[in-house]
Amino acid sequence: MALVKLNNRGVRSATTFGSITGLGSMVFIKKQTASSSATISFVDGTSDVVLDDTYKEYLFTFNNIHPETDNVNFTVNFRDGGSSYDATKTSSSFGAYHDEGDSASGVNYETSFDLAQSTSAQILGIGGSIGNGNDESLSGYLHLFNPSSTTFVKHYLSNIHLYNKDNYAINSFIAGYCNVTAAIDGVQFAMSSDDIDAGDICLYGIN
């Protein structure tokens, strides 16, 4: 088969291009800003929140989540049709770390942050608790897949970076599933103790 070569003016001289259709898109749904907030919740059908079969994937982004109290963890939990955020979850976690003094670094599998058929909140920033210094915070994202399914488990995965209380950069990876066949209709974020002092959480739908 012969190769077809384009001269330098092949694309530059084109006047029209065909259109590409059917590509997916990411749609902004809701932004919530913490201000000494005990929890931040996204509940389907309330305050313009969509968490149903409109989208097969949902994305939460975290921008400079700052805790009220030093040495706490950022958590998420899921509601499966009741009034409580206690969906049964199984997960795994690992993280990479490096301190400001360049004296310690590594990658660890974090068994203490795993869940096994647990209704407890899922810790997102593993490997070291967040500091509450003025310049300390956490940012990252959480994907939730097909929460409206009543057939399959609901998978989630997260990548978080945090500036911890001991001046470490920690990149935290969490993945798991809500082991329920009921639809997930609410997602709630909180600190393991006290309030979320500041920061933004945005929700997007992906199709």
Foldseek 3Di string as FASTA:
>chain_A
DDDDDDDPCRVVVDDDDDDDDDDKDKAFFDKDKDAQAQKDKAFDPPPRGHDAVPFQKKKKWWFFFAAPAAWWFKWKFFDQPDDDRFFFKFKWKKKWKAAPVRPDIDIDGDPVQTHDRGRDTRTFQPDAGWGRPPPWGKIWMKMWGRQHALPDWIKMKIWMWTQHPRRMTMIMIMIITRPHSGGTRMMMMHIPDGGRNTIMMTMIGMD
